[in-house]
């Protein structure tokens, strides 16, 4: 169950990271409300996952999910470059997350 909480926490991290772009420095109300709510949910779910997962694993996976999702949504929603180097870098992050999962007792 901890892994499910961790994955959800990572997805909400993507939500707040992308949401920051839309808040325009927290000057827009509804994007700011969503972003703050996503932050709270992300941190809350991460803290629940940390009850039974090692800190290094949980934090690494949480950040990795956030990084991958943010890069991909940046490409899709914001027209950021989808170069080969960026795609390979994202795949390396995926490999790291898989490695952390496999190495966790």
N, C-alpha and C. Protein backbone atom coordinates (compact mmCIF):
# COMPACT_ATOMS: atom_id res chain seq x y z
N UNK A 1 0.82 -1.19 0.00
CA UNK A 1 0.00 0.00 0.00
C UNK A 1 0.87 1.27 0.00
N UNK A 2 2.04 1.17 0.65
CA UNK A 2 2.93 2.33 0.71
C UNK A 2 3.36 2.77 -0.68
N UNK A 3 3.59 1.80 -1.57
CA UNK A 3 4.00 2.14 -2.93
C UNK A 3 2.90 2.89 -3.68
N UNK A 4 1.65 2.52 -3.42
CA UNK A 4 0.53 3.22 -4.05
C UNK A 4 0.49 4.66 -3.57
N UNK A 5 0.64 4.85 -2.25
CA UNK A 5 0.68 6.21 -1.70
C UNK A 5 1.83 7.01 -2.30
N UNK A 6 2.97 6.34 -2.47
CA UNK A 6 4.14 7.02 -3.03
C UNK A 6 3.92 7.43 -4.48
N UNK A 7 3.33 6.55 -5.26
CA UNK A 7 3.05 6.89 -6.66
C UNK A 7 2.05 8.05 -6.74
N UNK A 8 1.01 8.00 -5.92
CA UNK A 8 0.05 9.11 -5.90
C UNK A 8 0.72 10.41 -5.48
N UNK A 9 1.60 10.32 -4.49
CA UNK A 9 2.34 11.50 -4.05
C UNK A 9 3.16 12.08 -5.20
N UNK A 10 3.79 11.22 -5.97
CA UNK A 10 4.57 11.66 -7.12
C UNK A 10 3.70 12.32 -8.18
N UNK A 11 2.52 11.77 -8.41
CA UNK A 11 1.61 12.37 -9.39
C UNK A 11 1.12 13.74 -8.95
N UNK A 12 0.84 13.87 -7.65
CA UNK A 12 0.46 15.20 -7.15
C UNK A 12 1.64 16.17 -7.19
N UNK A 13 2.85 15.64 -7.08
CA UNK A 13 4.03 16.51 -7.24
C UNK A 13 4.08 17.07 -8.66
N UNK A 14 3.79 16.23 -9.62
CA UNK A 14 3.71 16.70 -11.01
C UNK A 14 2.67 17.81 -11.11
N UNK A 15 1.52 17.58 -10.48
CA UNK A 15 0.44 18.57 -10.50
C UNK A 15 0.85 19.91 -9.95
N UNK A 16 1.55 19.91 -8.82
CA UNK A 16 1.91 21.21 -8.26
C UNK A 16 3.08 21.85 -9.00
N UNK A 17 3.97 21.03 -9.52
CA UNK A 17 5.09 21.60 -10.27
C UNK A 17 4.60 22.28 -11.54
N UNK A 18 3.72 21.60 -12.27
CA UNK A 18 3.15 22.21 -13.48
C UNK A 18 2.24 23.37 -13.09
N UNK A 19 1.51 23.19 -12.01
CA UNK A 19 0.61 24.25 -11.54
C UNK A 19 1.33 25.56 -11.24
N UNK A 20 2.56 25.46 -10.76
CA UNK A 20 3.33 26.68 -10.48
C UNK A 20 3.45 27.58 -11.71
N UNK A 21 3.58 26.95 -12.87
CA UNK A 21 3.70 27.71 -14.12
C UNK A 21 2.43 28.53 -14.37
N UNK A 22 1.30 27.94 -14.03
CA UNK A 22 0.01 28.59 -14.30
C UNK A 22 -0.42 29.59 -13.23
N UNK A 23 0.23 29.58 -12.07
CA UNK A 23 -0.13 30.53 -11.01
C UNK A 23 0.35 31.95 -11.31
N UNK A 24 1.34 32.04 -12.21
CA UNK A 24 1.97 33.33 -12.53
C UNK A 24 2.40 34.06 -11.25
N UNK A 25 3.22 33.35 -10.47
CA UNK A 25 3.73 33.94 -9.23
C UNK A 25 2.66 34.03 -8.15
N UNK A 26 1.73 33.11 -8.14
CA UNK A 26 0.61 33.07 -7.20
C UNK A 26 -0.26 34.32 -7.30
N UNK A 27 -0.38 34.85 -8.51
CA UNK A 27 -1.26 36.01 -8.73
C UNK A 27 -2.61 35.60 -9.31
N UNK A 28 -2.76 34.34 -9.72
CA UNK A 28 -4.03 33.84 -10.25
C UNK A 28 -4.65 32.91 -9.21
N UNK A 29 -5.87 33.20 -8.81
CA UNK A 29 -6.50 32.51 -7.68
C UNK A 29 -6.63 31.00 -7.87
N UNK A 30 -7.37 30.56 -8.88
CA UNK A 30 -7.67 29.13 -8.98
C UNK A 30 -6.45 28.26 -9.29
N UNK A 31 -5.58 28.68 -10.16
CA UNK A 31 -4.36 27.87 -10.30
C UNK A 31 -3.54 27.82 -8.99
N UNK A 32 -3.57 28.90 -8.24
CA UNK A 32 -2.85 28.92 -6.96
C UNK A 32 -3.50 27.98 -5.96
N UNK A 33 -4.83 27.96 -5.91
CA UNK A 33 -5.55 27.06 -4.99
C UNK A 33 -5.23 25.61 -5.34
N UNK A 34 -5.31 25.26 -6.64
CA UNK A 34 -5.00 23.89 -7.07
C UNK A 34 -3.57 23.52 -6.73
N UNK A 35 -2.65 24.43 -6.97
CA UNK A 35 -1.24 24.15 -6.74
C UNK A 35 -0.97 23.90 -5.26
N UNK A 36 -1.52 24.73 -4.41
CA UNK A 36 -1.33 24.56 -2.96
C UNK A 36 -1.98 23.27 -2.47
N UNK A 37 -3.16 22.95 -2.99
CA UNK A 37 -3.83 21.70 -2.62
C UNK A 37 -2.99 20.49 -3.07
N UNK A 38 -2.47 20.55 -4.29
CA UNK A 38 -1.64 19.45 -4.80
C UNK A 38 -0.37 19.31 -3.96
N UNK A 39 0.21 20.44 -3.52
CA UNK A 39 1.39 20.38 -2.66
C UNK A 39 1.06 19.65 -1.36
N UNK A 40 -0.04 20.04 -0.74
CA UNK A 40 -0.43 19.44 0.54
C UNK A 40 -0.68 17.94 0.37
N UNK A 41 -1.40 17.56 -0.68
CA UNK A 41 -1.66 16.14 -0.91
C UNK A 41 -0.37 15.37 -1.20
N UNK A 42 0.51 15.96 -1.99
CA UNK A 42 1.77 15.31 -2.32
C UNK A 42 2.61 15.05 -1.07
N UNK A 43 2.77 16.08 -0.25
CA UNK A 43 3.56 15.92 0.97
C UNK A 43 2.89 14.97 1.95
N UNK A 44 1.56 15.06 2.06
CA UNK A 44 0.83 14.18 2.96
C UNK A 44 0.97 12.72 2.57
N UNK A 45 0.79 12.43 1.29
CA UNK A 45 0.92 11.05 0.82
C UNK A 45 2.36 10.55 0.94
N UNK A 46 3.32 11.42 0.69
CA UNK A 46 4.72 11.02 0.87
C UNK A 46 4.98 10.67 2.33
N UNK A 47 4.45 11.45 3.25
CA UNK A 47 4.69 11.17 4.66
C UNK A 47 4.07 9.85 5.08
N UNK A 48 2.91 9.49 4.51
CA UNK A 48 2.30 8.20 4.81
C UNK A 48 3.17 7.07 4.26
N UNK A 49 3.66 7.24 3.04
CA UNK A 49 4.52 6.22 2.43
C UNK A 49 5.80 6.02 3.24
N UNK A 50 6.30 7.10 3.82
CA UNK A 50 7.55 7.02 4.59
C UNK A 50 7.42 6.22 5.88
N UNK A 51 6.20 5.94 6.29
CA UNK A 51 6.01 5.12 7.49
C UNK A 51 6.60 3.72 7.30
N UNK A 52 6.59 3.23 6.05
CA UNK A 52 7.08 1.86 5.85
C UNK A 52 8.13 1.71 4.77
N UNK A 53 8.45 2.78 4.06
CA UNK A 53 9.50 2.70 3.04
C UNK A 53 10.74 3.44 3.51
N UNK A 54 11.92 3.00 3.07
CA UNK A 54 13.15 3.73 3.43
C UNK A 54 13.13 5.15 2.84
N UNK A 55 13.66 6.08 3.59
CA UNK A 55 13.66 7.49 3.19
C UNK A 55 14.30 7.70 1.82
N UNK A 56 15.49 7.16 1.62
CA UNK A 56 16.20 7.38 0.35
C UNK A 56 15.43 6.84 -0.84
N UNK A 57 14.83 5.68 -0.69
CA UNK A 57 14.05 5.09 -1.77
C UNK A 57 12.81 5.93 -2.04
N UNK A 58 12.05 6.22 -1.00
CA UNK A 58 10.80 6.95 -1.16
C UNK A 58 11.04 8.34 -1.76
N UNK A 59 12.03 9.04 -1.24
CA UNK A 59 12.29 10.38 -1.75
C UNK A 59 12.78 10.34 -3.20
N UNK A 60 13.67 9.39 -3.49
CA UNK A 60 14.18 9.26 -4.86
C UNK A 60 13.08 8.95 -5.86
N UNK A 61 12.18 8.04 -5.51
CA UNK A 61 11.07 7.70 -6.39
C UNK A 61 10.12 8.87 -6.53
N UNK A 62 9.80 9.54 -5.44
CA UNK A 62 8.90 10.70 -5.44
C UNK A 62 9.44 11.80 -6.37
N UNK A 63 10.70 12.12 -6.20
CA UNK A 63 11.32 13.15 -7.04
C UNK A 63 11.38 12.68 -8.49
N UNK A 64 11.70 11.41 -8.70
CA UNK A 64 11.78 10.88 -10.06
C UNK A 64 10.45 10.95 -10.80
N UNK A 65 9.38 10.54 -10.13
CA UNK A 65 8.06 10.63 -10.74
C UNK A 65 7.74 12.08 -11.06
N UNK A 66 8.05 12.97 -10.12
CA UNK A 66 7.80 14.39 -10.36
C UNK A 66 8.60 14.93 -11.53
N UNK A 67 9.85 14.54 -11.61
CA UNK A 67 10.71 15.02 -12.70
C UNK A 67 10.23 14.50 -14.05
N UNK A 68 9.94 13.21 -14.11
CA UNK A 68 9.49 12.62 -15.38
C UNK A 68 8.18 13.25 -15.83
N UNK A 69 7.22 13.31 -14.92
CA UNK A 69 5.92 13.88 -15.27
C UNK A 69 6.00 15.33 -15.67
N UNK A 70 6.82 16.09 -14.97
CA UNK A 70 6.96 17.51 -15.27
C UNK A 70 7.62 17.72 -16.63
N UNK A 71 8.64 16.95 -16.93
CA UNK A 71 9.30 17.07 -18.23
C UNK A 71 8.32 16.71 -19.35
N UNK A 72 7.60 15.61 -19.18
CA UNK A 72 6.67 15.18 -20.22
C UNK A 72 5.53 16.17 -20.42
N UNK A 73 4.96 16.66 -19.33
CA UNK A 73 3.88 17.65 -19.46
C UNK A 73 4.41 18.98 -20.00
N UNK A 74 5.64 19.31 -19.67
CA UNK A 74 6.24 20.51 -20.25
C UNK A 74 6.31 20.40 -21.77
N UNK A 75 6.65 19.22 -22.23
CA UNK A 75 6.71 19.00 -23.68
C UNK A 75 5.31 19.05 -24.30
N UNK A 76 4.35 18.41 -23.66
CA UNK A 76 3.00 18.30 -24.22
C UNK A 76 2.21 19.60 -24.08
N UNK A 77 2.22 20.19 -22.89
CA UNK A 77 1.39 21.36 -22.63
C UNK A 77 2.05 22.70 -22.97
N UNK A 78 3.36 22.74 -22.79
CA UNK A 78 4.04 24.03 -22.90
C UNK A 78 4.95 24.13 -24.12
N UNK A 79 4.96 23.10 -24.94
CA UNK A 79 5.76 23.15 -26.16
C UNK A 79 7.26 23.12 -25.93
N UNK A 80 7.70 22.55 -24.81
CA UNK A 80 9.13 22.46 -24.56
C UNK A 80 9.76 21.44 -25.51
N UNK A 81 11.03 21.57 -25.74
CA UNK A 81 11.75 20.72 -26.68
C UNK A 81 11.71 19.26 -26.27
N UNK A 82 11.45 18.40 -27.25
CA UNK A 82 11.45 16.95 -27.04
C UNK A 82 12.65 16.35 -27.76
N UNK A 83 13.82 16.81 -27.39
CA UNK A 83 15.04 16.34 -28.05
C UNK A 83 15.40 14.92 -27.60
N UNK A 84 16.24 14.29 -28.38
CA UNK A 84 16.71 12.95 -28.04
C UNK A 84 17.40 12.95 -26.68
N UNK A 85 18.19 13.95 -26.41
CA UNK A 85 18.91 14.03 -25.13
C UNK A 85 17.94 14.09 -23.95
N UNK A 86 16.84 14.84 -24.10
CA UNK A 86 15.86 14.93 -23.01
C UNK A 86 15.15 13.60 -22.82
N UNK A 87 14.80 12.94 -23.92
CA UNK A 87 14.11 11.65 -23.83
C UNK A 87 15.02 10.61 -23.18
N UNK A 88 16.27 10.56 -23.59
CA UNK A 88 17.22 9.61 -22.99
C UNK A 88 17.39 9.91 -21.51
N UNK A 89 17.45 11.17 -21.14
CA UNK A 89 17.60 11.54 -19.73
C UNK A 89 16.40 11.09 -18.91
N UNK A 90 15.20 11.24 -19.46
CA UNK A 90 14.00 10.78 -18.77
C UNK A 90 14.05 9.26 -18.61
N UNK A 91 14.49 8.55 -19.63
CA UNK A 91 14.60 7.10 -19.55
C UNK A 91 15.62 6.67 -18.48
N UNK A 92 16.67 7.44 -18.31
CA UNK A 92 17.64 7.15 -17.25
C UNK A 92 17.01 7.33 -15.87
N UNK A 93 16.15 8.33 -15.73
CA UNK A 93 15.45 8.52 -14.46
C UNK A 93 14.52 7.33 -14.21
N UNK A 94 13.82 6.89 -15.24
CA UNK A 94 12.95 5.72 -15.12
C UNK A 94 13.77 4.51 -14.66
N UNK A 95 14.93 4.32 -15.26
CA UNK A 95 15.80 3.20 -14.87
C UNK A 95 16.21 3.32 -13.40
N UNK A 96 16.49 4.53 -12.95
CA UNK A 96 16.85 4.74 -11.55
C UNK A 96 15.71 4.41 -10.61
N UNK A 97 14.50 4.78 -10.99
CA UNK A 97 13.33 4.48 -10.15
C UNK A 97 13.13 2.97 -10.08
N UNK A 98 13.22 2.30 -11.20
CA UNK A 98 13.09 0.84 -11.22
C UNK A 98 14.18 0.20 -10.36
N UNK A 99 15.39 0.70 -10.47
CA UNK A 99 16.48 0.18 -9.65
C UNK A 99 16.21 0.36 -8.16
N UNK A 100 15.71 1.52 -7.77
CA UNK A 100 15.39 1.75 -6.35
C UNK A 100 14.29 0.80 -5.88
N UNK A 101 13.28 0.60 -6.71
CA UNK A 101 12.19 -0.31 -6.35
C UNK A 101 12.73 -1.73 -6.17
N UNK A 102 13.54 -2.19 -7.10
CA UNK A 102 14.09 -3.55 -7.04
C UNK A 102 15.05 -3.74 -5.87
N UNK A 103 15.72 -2.68 -5.47
CA UNK A 103 16.72 -2.78 -4.40
C UNK A 103 16.13 -2.57 -3.01
N UNK A 104 14.83 -2.28 -2.94
CA UNK A 104 14.19 -2.04 -1.65
C UNK A 104 13.62 -3.34 -1.10
N UNK A 105 14.00 -3.68 0.12
CA UNK A 105 13.49 -4.94 0.71
C UNK A 105 11.98 -4.89 0.95
